[in-house]
């Protein structure tokens, strides 16, 4: 088990380095931020002084070495646009993204498990077909279209829910539904497949022969044995929701990291882009590492390599 965890930890560190390195170079080939931030009538001396203040007068290799050294201590530079530590600027938007991601994940897991279990308990029936049709539709509808439809119906026509901003729980419903529906479909299909496999096993027939109710057989015996793929998907989904909620946050004007990062890309604010990817990737990798730890609890056989 110790060897298993050490290998996972080392792979996490290497992954973090690769992600940060790729983003560092990609951010710099998008263009020069100086052209956006200095006045059109700035003299060459003023432009050069601005570059020196940002450290952009150094070679790419020097910038990269300095960036890696500072990133270890959490110093990812100053935001060019907001004139404050980049990591601090990104961290102020992180709670909103975490709130939206967890709400979407809960919706996806609960709804997906319910649909998948119901479908698996009656394979080939109308209920099965109906549940899987809903899952297919949910997985096929584009996020931006669904978000706009929810705004038009529940926000503008019925006026039941607010359509933008972050406030009370009612502000969370539409963006969470928009972001969680696609993942709910994934959980539904994955749950159905895993449950069908487990419900055909000998130990399930033994449990039924003991007179246990079908609900207890399903939830107590079949579902835990189908849990590992679901735990994996939950970890990947949470990381994906944290990193990939740009469209949803933009549509609903949700003040999260994704929307803030998109603005930073437009402004070519290198430190903010780097800090965003650094913070989100660290959270994503931490989630994956925790998933690996859960494997050792759910099924110790996964530590055998």
Protein backbone atom coordinates (compact mmCIF):
# COMPACT_ATOMS: atom_id res chain seq x y z
CA UNK A 1 0.00 0.00 0.00
CA UNK A 2 2.84 2.40 0.86
CA UNK A 3 4.44 1.80 -2.54
CA UNK A 4 1.10 2.39 -4.23
CA UNK A 5 0.64 5.77 -2.50
CA UNK A 6 4.24 6.86 -3.17
CA UNK A 7 3.87 6.09 -6.87
CA UNK A 8 0.59 8.04 -7.00
CA UNK A 9 2.14 10.98 -5.16
CA UNK A 10 5.12 11.12 -7.52
CA UNK A 11 2.86 10.95 -10.56
CA UNK A 12 0.83 13.83 -9.08
CA UNK A 13 3.94 15.98 -8.69
CA UNK A 14 5.10 15.23 -12.25
CA UNK A 15 1.64 15.98 -13.62
CA UNK A 16 1.56 19.31 -11.80
CA UNK A 17 4.94 20.28 -13.26
CA UNK A 18 3.89 19.34 -16.79
CA UNK A 19 0.62 21.26 -16.56
CA UNK A 20 2.26 24.41 -15.24
CA UNK A 21 5.03 24.21 -17.84
CA UNK A 22 2.64 23.84 -20.77
CA UNK A 23 0.50 26.73 -19.59
CA UNK A 24 3.54 28.96 -19.06
CA UNK A 25 4.61 28.64 -22.68
CA UNK A 26 1.12 28.64 -24.19
CA UNK A 27 0.23 31.86 -22.37
CA UNK A 28 3.22 33.61 -23.90
CA UNK A 29 2.62 32.66 -27.51
CA UNK A 30 -0.82 34.34 -27.50
CA UNK A 31 0.72 37.78 -27.83
CA UNK A 32 2.44 40.60 -25.97
CA UNK A 33 0.35 42.10 -23.13
CA UNK A 34 2.39 45.30 -23.23
CA UNK A 35 0.64 46.32 -26.46
CA UNK A 36 -2.71 46.21 -24.63
CA UNK A 37 -1.65 47.99 -21.46
CA UNK A 38 0.59 50.87 -22.48
CA UNK A 39 -0.83 54.01 -24.14
CA UNK A 40 -0.53 54.30 -27.91
CA UNK A 41 1.66 57.38 -27.52
CA UNK A 42 4.11 55.71 -25.13
CA UNK A 43 7.76 56.23 -25.93
CA UNK A 44 10.12 53.27 -26.50
CA UNK A 45 11.74 54.06 -23.15
CA UNK A 46 8.39 53.85 -21.36
CA UNK A 47 7.57 50.56 -23.10
CA UNK A 48 10.94 49.14 -22.09
CA UNK A 49 10.48 50.27 -18.50
CA UNK A 50 7.07 48.60 -18.42
CA UNK A 51 8.56 45.35 -19.71
CA UNK A 52 11.30 45.47 -17.09
CA UNK A 53 8.74 45.99 -14.33
CA UNK A 54 6.85 42.88 -15.48
CA UNK A 55 10.00 40.86 -16.10
CA UNK A 56 9.14 40.49 -19.80
CA UNK A 57 12.52 41.88 -20.89
CA UNK A 58 14.19 38.62 -19.85
CA UNK A 59 14.61 35.61 -22.11
CA UNK A 60 11.91 32.94 -22.12
CA UNK A 61 14.24 30.50 -20.34
CA UNK A 62 14.97 32.99 -17.56
CA UNK A 63 11.29 33.75 -17.10
CA UNK A 64 10.53 30.03 -16.89
CA UNK A 65 13.21 29.29 -14.28
CA UNK A 66 12.11 32.26 -12.16
CA UNK A 67 8.48 31.20 -12.51
CA UNK A 68 9.17 27.63 -11.35
CA UNK A 69 11.20 28.83 -8.39
CA UNK A 70 8.50 31.24 -7.25
CA UNK A 71 5.62 28.86 -7.88
CA UNK A 72 6.98 26.48 -5.23
CA UNK A 73 6.30 29.19 -2.63
CA UNK A 74 2.96 30.17 -4.18
CA UNK A 75 4.33 33.37 -5.70
CA UNK A 76 2.97 33.41 -9.25
CA UNK A 77 3.61 37.07 -9.86
CA UNK A 78 1.47 40.19 -9.90
CA UNK A 79 -1.68 40.47 -11.96
CA UNK A 80 -0.97 42.84 -14.83
CA UNK A 81 -4.54 44.10 -14.96
CA UNK A 82 -5.53 44.07 -11.25
CA UNK A 83 -2.15 44.99 -9.71
CA UNK A 84 -2.29 42.41 -6.91
CA UNK A 85 -0.78 38.94 -6.34
CA UNK A 86 -2.19 36.73 -9.09
CA UNK A 87 -2.86 33.75 -6.82
CA UNK A 88 -4.68 35.97 -4.35
CA UNK A 89 -6.81 37.44 -7.14
CA UNK A 90 -7.79 33.97 -8.38
CA UNK A 91 -8.42 32.63 -4.86
CA UNK A 92 -11.10 35.28 -4.25
CA UNK A 93 -13.16 33.74 -7.08
CA UNK A 94 -12.58 30.12 -6.04
CA UNK A 95 -15.37 29.83 -3.42
CA UNK A 96 -18.04 30.62 -6.03
CA UNK A 97 -16.68 27.98 -8.40
CA UNK A 98 -16.41 25.38 -5.60
CA UNK A 99 -20.00 26.10 -4.54
CA UNK A 100 -21.28 25.66 -8.09
CA UNK A 101 -19.16 22.55 -8.71
CA UNK A 102 -20.32 20.75 -5.55
CA UNK A 103 -23.97 21.63 -6.14
CA UNK A 104 -23.70 20.30 -9.70
CA UNK A 105 -21.91 17.15 -8.51
CA UNK A 106 -24.56 16.39 -5.88
CA UNK A 107 -27.27 16.81 -8.49
CA UNK A 108 -25.39 14.61 -10.96
CA UNK A 109 -24.63 11.83 -8.45
CA UNK A 110 -28.07 11.69 -6.82
CA UNK A 111 -30.00 11.95 -10.08
CA UNK A 112 -27.65 9.64 -11.96
CA UNK A 113 -27.69 6.95 -9.28
CA UNK A 114 -31.49 7.06 -9.10
CA UNK A 115 -31.92 6.75 -12.86
CA UNK A 116 -29.26 4.05 -13.18
CA UNK A 117 -30.57 1.90 -10.32
CA UNK A 118 -34.17 2.13 -11.53
CA UNK A 119 -33.12 1.24 -15.08
CA UNK A 120 -30.95 -1.68 -13.95
CA UNK A 121 -33.67 -3.11 -11.71
CA UNK A 122 -36.00 -3.46 -14.72
CA UNK A 123 -33.76 -4.15 -17.73
CA UNK A 124 -35.51 -4.03 -21.08
CA UNK A 125 -38.68 -2.50 -19.65
CA UNK A 126 -40.31 0.82 -20.49
CA UNK A 127 -38.77 2.30 -17.33
CA UNK A 128 -35.31 1.25 -18.48
CA UNK A 129 -35.83 2.70 -21.96
CA UNK A 130 -37.29 5.93 -20.60
CA UNK A 131 -34.45 6.44 -18.08
CA UNK A 132 -31.75 5.80 -20.66
CA UNK A 133 -33.48 8.07 -23.17
CA UNK A 134 -33.42 10.86 -20.59
CA UNK A 135 -29.73 10.14 -19.99
CA UNK A 136 -28.99 10.23 -23.72
CA UNK A 137 -30.81 13.54 -24.14
CA UNK A 138 -29.04 15.02 -21.13
CA UNK A 139 -25.66 13.98 -22.46
CA UNK A 140 -26.38 15.31 -25.96
CA UNK A 141 -27.81 18.77 -25.27
CA UNK A 142 -25.12 21.49 -25.48
CA UNK A 143 -24.51 23.28 -22.19
CA UNK A 144 -24.84 26.77 -23.65
CA UNK A 145 -28.19 25.95 -25.32
CA UNK A 146 -29.58 24.36 -22.17
CA UNK A 147 -28.48 27.33 -20.08
CA UNK A 148 -30.15 29.80 -22.43
CA UNK A 149 -33.35 27.75 -22.50
CA UNK A 150 -33.49 27.61 -18.71
CA UNK A 151 -32.98 31.38 -18.57
CA UNK A 152 -35.77 31.99 -21.09
CA UNK A 153 -38.28 29.63 -19.45
CA UNK A 154 -37.66 29.88 -15.70
CA UNK A 155 -36.04 33.30 -15.58
CA UNK A 156 -37.76 35.47 -18.19
CA UNK A 157 -41.13 33.86 -18.91
CA UNK A 158 -42.10 32.30 -15.56
CA UNK A 159 -39.84 34.60 -13.51
CA UNK A 160 -39.37 31.91 -10.88
CA UNK A 161 -35.60 32.12 -10.55
CA UNK A 162 -32.86 34.77 -10.95
CA UNK A 163 -30.83 34.47 -14.14
CA UNK A 164 -27.50 36.02 -13.15
CA UNK A 165 -25.18 36.74 -10.28
CA UNK A 166 -24.49 34.95 -7.01
CA UNK A 167 -26.72 35.42 -4.01
CA UNK A 168 -29.02 33.04 -2.17
CA UNK A 169 -29.69 29.39 -2.96
CA UNK A 170 -32.13 30.38 -5.70
CA UNK A 171 -29.26 31.89 -7.73
CA UNK A 172 -27.55 28.49 -7.68
CA UNK A 173 -30.37 26.40 -9.15
CA UNK A 174 -30.19 27.27 -12.86
CA UNK A 175 -26.37 27.15 -13.24
CA UNK A 176 -26.18 23.94 -11.16
CA UNK A 177 -28.84 22.25 -13.27
CA UNK A 178 -27.14 23.41 -16.46
CA UNK A 179 -23.74 22.15 -15.37
CA UNK A 180 -24.92 18.97 -13.66
CA UNK A 181 -27.33 17.57 -16.26
CA UNK A 182 -24.67 16.25 -18.62
CA UNK A 183 -22.78 14.61 -15.77
CA UNK A 184 -26.02 13.17 -14.40
CA UNK A 185 -26.45 11.34 -17.70
CA UNK A 186 -22.91 9.93 -17.42
CA UNK A 187 -23.59 8.66 -13.88
CA UNK A 188 -26.90 7.14 -14.96
CA UNK A 189 -25.35 5.12 -17.77
CA UNK A 190 -22.36 4.08 -15.67
CA UNK A 191 -24.56 3.08 -12.73
CA UNK A 192 -26.85 1.03 -14.95
CA UNK A 193 -23.93 -0.85 -16.51
CA UNK A 194 -22.30 -1.57 -13.15
CA UNK A 195 -25.53 -2.61 -11.48
CA UNK A 196 -26.50 -4.97 -14.31
CA UNK A 197 -23.15 -6.69 -13.95
CA UNK A 198 -23.44 -7.01 -10.18
CA UNK A 199 -27.09 -8.10 -10.16
CA UNK A 200 -26.18 -11.13 -12.27
CA UNK A 201 -23.56 -12.37 -9.80
CA UNK A 202 -23.96 -15.48 -7.64
CA UNK A 203 -23.79 -13.60 -4.33
CA UNK A 204 -26.86 -11.58 -5.38
CA UNK A 205 -28.83 -14.77 -6.02
CA UNK A 206 -27.69 -16.01 -2.61
CA UNK A 207 -28.90 -12.80 -0.95
CA UNK A 208 -32.28 -13.12 -2.66
CA UNK A 209 -32.57 -16.75 -1.59
CA UNK A 210 -32.20 -15.63 2.02
CA UNK A 211 -35.44 -13.68 1.64
CA UNK A 212 -33.92 -10.20 1.59
CA UNK A 213 -36.02 -7.49 -0.04
CA UNK A 214 -35.07 -6.37 -3.54
CA UNK A 215 -34.35 -2.85 -2.28
CA UNK A 216 -31.91 -4.17 0.33
CA UNK A 217 -30.25 -6.50 -2.16
CA UNK A 218 -29.81 -3.61 -4.57
CA UNK A 219 -28.58 -0.95 -2.16
CA UNK A 220 -26.76 -3.09 0.42
CA UNK A 221 -25.09 -5.69 -1.77
CA UNK A 222 -25.05 -4.70 -5.45
CA UNK A 223 -24.38 -0.95 -5.25
CA UNK A 224 -21.25 -1.08 -3.02
CA UNK A 225 -19.65 -3.58 -5.40
CA UNK A 226 -20.32 -1.24 -8.33
CA UNK A 227 -18.88 1.74 -6.46
CA UNK A 228 -15.30 1.94 -7.75
CA UNK A 229 -16.18 3.18 -11.28
CA UNK A 230 -18.61 5.63 -9.68
CA UNK A 231 -15.96 6.94 -7.28
CA UNK A 232 -13.57 7.36 -10.20
CA UNK A 233 -16.20 9.22 -12.19
CA UNK A 234 -17.08 11.41 -9.21
CA UNK A 235 -13.45 12.48 -8.83
CA UNK A 236 -13.04 13.20 -12.53
CA UNK A 237 -16.39 14.99 -12.62
CA UNK A 238 -15.59 17.26 -9.69
CA UNK A 239 -12.22 18.16 -11.19
CA UNK A 240 -13.85 18.77 -14.57
CA UNK A 241 -16.56 20.95 -13.02
CA UNK A 242 -13.95 23.06 -11.25
CA UNK A 243 -11.90 23.49 -14.41
CA UNK A 244 -14.55 23.51 -17.11
CA UNK A 245 -17.37 25.73 -15.90
CA UNK A 246 -16.36 28.70 -18.07
CA UNK A 247 -19.42 28.59 -20.34
CA UNK A 248 -21.91 28.18 -17.50
CA UNK A 249 -20.30 30.91 -15.40
CA UNK A 250 -20.31 33.25 -18.40
CA UNK A 251 -23.95 32.58 -19.32
CA UNK A 252 -25.20 33.17 -15.77
CA UNK A 253 -22.65 35.88 -14.88
CA UNK A 254 -21.51 33.63 -12.03
CA UNK A 255 -18.44 35.23 -10.38
CA UNK A 256 -16.24 32.16 -10.53
CA UNK A 257 -12.71 31.26 -11.56
CA UNK A 258 -13.68 30.19 -15.08
CA UNK A 259 -15.22 33.54 -15.98
CA UNK A 260 -12.34 35.40 -14.35
CA UNK A 261 -9.78 33.31 -16.26
CA UNK A 262 -11.55 33.97 -19.56
CA UNK A 263 -11.27 37.70 -18.94
CA UNK A 264 -7.59 37.24 -18.10
CA UNK A 265 -7.02 35.46 -21.43
CA UNK A 266 -8.65 38.34 -23.30
CA UNK A 267 -6.44 40.80 -21.39
CA UNK A 268 -3.33 38.59 -21.81
CA UNK A 269 -2.83 38.72 -18.06
CA UNK A 270 -0.19 35.98 -17.95
CA UNK A 271 0.16 35.76 -14.15
CA UNK A 272 -3.60 35.36 -13.64
CA UNK A 273 -3.86 32.68 -16.35
CA UNK A 274 -0.94 30.81 -14.81
CA UNK A 275 -2.32 31.18 -11.29
CA UNK A 276 -5.75 29.96 -12.40
CA UNK A 277 -4.39 26.84 -14.05
CA UNK A 278 -1.98 26.26 -11.16
CA UNK A 279 -4.72 26.48 -8.52
CA UNK A 280 -7.33 24.49 -10.43
CA UNK A 281 -4.85 21.81 -11.46
CA UNK A 282 -3.63 21.44 -7.87
CA UNK A 283 -7.21 20.96 -6.72
CA UNK A 284 -7.86 18.52 -9.57
CA UNK A 285 -4.75 16.48 -8.78
CA UNK A 286 -5.55 16.52 -5.06
CA UNK A 287 -9.02 15.15 -5.82
CA UNK A 288 -7.54 12.37 -7.94
CA UNK A 289 -5.09 11.52 -5.18
CA UNK A 290 -7.95 11.32 -2.67
CA UNK A 291 -9.81 9.04 -5.08
CA UNK A 292 -6.77 6.76 -5.10
CA UNK A 293 -6.86 6.72 -1.30
CA UNK A 294 -10.54 5.80 -1.39
CA UNK A 295 -9.67 2.87 -3.65
CA UNK A 296 -7.58 1.39 -0.85
CA UNK A 297 -10.60 1.60 1.47
CA UNK A 298 -13.25 0.34 -0.96
CA UNK A 299 -11.14 -2.43 -2.51
CA UNK A 300 -7.61 -3.05 -1.15
CA UNK A 301 -6.91 -5.21 -4.21
CA UNK A 302 -6.37 -2.03 -6.24
CA UNK A 303 -3.07 -1.43 -4.38
CA UNK A 304 -1.62 -4.63 -5.75
CA UNK A 305 0.50 -3.84 -8.80
